[in-house]
């Protein structure tokens, strides 16, 4: 979402420290701060991504939970409609041939 690597370190030890460290540890002593989320992503999408990337597995939603989120349900319904229309065209095409 930010078009950047999640961890940028000069060596494996520094990379390990970045991965297991806290957000405070990651940026401590550096001039660079985390880049903002790219414009164009909804706050709900950013929230879902943050939850999916949580270090604590108990904080991560399951696939079923993600699919039940209102923003995802809306998109699923739209794709179901497109799929149904596509299926009708395929059946008609096959019937004609």
Protein backbone atom coordinates (compact mmCIF):
# COMPACT_ATOMS: atom_id res chain seq x y z
CA UNK A 1 0.00 0.00 0.00
CA UNK A 2 2.93 2.35 0.54
CA UNK A 3 5.01 1.06 -2.38
CA UNK A 4 7.94 0.52 -0.02
CA UNK A 5 9.59 -2.49 1.54
CA UNK A 6 8.20 -3.16 5.02
CA UNK A 7 11.69 -3.51 6.52
CA UNK A 8 14.80 -1.95 5.04
CA UNK A 9 17.99 -2.90 6.86
CA UNK A 10 21.67 -2.99 5.91
CA UNK A 11 22.21 -6.54 7.24
CA UNK A 12 20.41 -9.60 8.60
CA UNK A 13 20.89 -8.65 12.27
CA UNK A 14 19.38 -5.21 11.71
CA UNK A 15 16.55 -6.80 9.71
CA UNK A 16 15.83 -9.22 12.54
CA UNK A 17 15.73 -6.37 15.05
CA UNK A 18 13.34 -4.44 12.84
CA UNK A 19 11.00 -7.40 12.47
CA UNK A 20 10.82 -8.30 16.16
CA UNK A 21 11.06 -4.74 17.47
CA UNK A 22 8.23 -2.39 18.31
CA UNK A 23 7.21 0.44 16.03
CA UNK A 24 9.05 2.81 18.37
CA UNK A 25 12.22 0.69 18.05
CA UNK A 26 11.95 0.55 14.29
CA UNK A 27 12.08 4.29 13.76
CA UNK A 28 14.20 5.27 16.75
CA UNK A 29 17.37 7.03 15.72
CA UNK A 30 16.38 7.46 12.10
CA UNK A 31 15.41 10.59 10.24
CA UNK A 32 12.91 8.66 8.16
CA UNK A 33 9.36 8.18 9.42
CA UNK A 34 6.77 5.71 8.13
CA UNK A 35 5.23 6.89 4.90
CA UNK A 36 1.51 7.60 4.93
CA UNK A 37 -0.88 5.14 3.40
CA UNK A 38 -1.38 5.77 -0.27
CA UNK A 39 -4.27 7.98 -1.20
CA UNK A 40 -7.15 6.03 -2.67
CA UNK A 41 -7.51 3.31 -0.04
CA UNK A 42 -10.56 3.58 2.20
CA UNK A 43 -10.06 3.72 5.94
CA UNK A 44 -11.85 0.37 6.24
CA UNK A 45 -9.39 -1.23 3.79
CA UNK A 46 -6.44 0.22 5.72
CA UNK A 47 -7.93 -1.12 8.96
CA UNK A 48 -8.41 -4.61 7.50
CA UNK A 49 -4.84 -4.65 6.19
CA UNK A 50 -3.47 -3.58 9.56
CA UNK A 51 -5.46 -6.32 11.28
CA UNK A 52 -4.35 -8.93 8.74
CA UNK A 53 -0.71 -7.94 9.27
CA UNK A 54 -0.90 -8.00 13.07
CA UNK A 55 1.99 -9.80 14.75
CA UNK A 56 -0.42 -11.32 17.25
CA UNK A 57 -2.33 -14.06 15.43
CA UNK A 58 -5.29 -13.71 17.80
CA UNK A 59 -5.81 -10.16 16.48
CA UNK A 60 -5.92 -11.30 12.84
CA UNK A 61 -9.36 -11.89 11.32
CA UNK A 62 -10.09 -15.17 9.59
CA UNK A 63 -10.90 -15.25 5.88
CA UNK A 64 -14.56 -15.85 6.76
CA UNK A 65 -14.56 -12.79 9.04
CA UNK A 66 -13.01 -10.62 6.31
CA UNK A 67 -15.58 -11.77 3.77
CA UNK A 68 -18.39 -10.80 6.16
CA UNK A 69 -17.17 -7.21 6.52
CA UNK A 70 -19.66 -4.73 4.98
CA UNK A 71 -17.20 -3.33 2.45
CA UNK A 72 -16.27 -6.81 1.24
CA UNK A 73 -19.88 -8.03 1.16
CA UNK A 74 -20.74 -5.16 -1.16
CA UNK A 75 -17.97 -6.12 -3.59
CA UNK A 76 -18.85 -9.81 -3.41
CA UNK A 77 -22.47 -9.02 -4.32
CA UNK A 78 -21.28 -6.92 -7.27
CA UNK A 79 -19.04 -9.74 -8.52
CA UNK A 80 -21.80 -12.32 -8.07
CA UNK A 81 -24.01 -10.20 -10.31
CA UNK A 82 -21.28 -9.91 -12.95
CA UNK A 83 -20.59 -13.65 -12.71
CA UNK A 84 -24.27 -14.51 -13.18
CA UNK A 85 -24.52 -12.27 -16.24
CA UNK A 86 -21.33 -13.76 -17.66
CA UNK A 87 -22.62 -17.28 -17.12
CA UNK A 88 -25.79 -16.45 -19.05
CA UNK A 89 -23.74 -15.17 -22.01
CA UNK A 90 -21.51 -18.24 -21.96
CA UNK A 91 -24.52 -20.56 -21.94
CA UNK A 92 -26.13 -18.68 -24.81
CA UNK A 93 -22.89 -18.71 -26.78
CA UNK A 94 -22.51 -22.46 -26.26
CA UNK A 95 -26.14 -23.07 -27.21
CA UNK A 96 -25.73 -21.18 -30.50
CA UNK A 97 -22.58 -23.05 -31.45
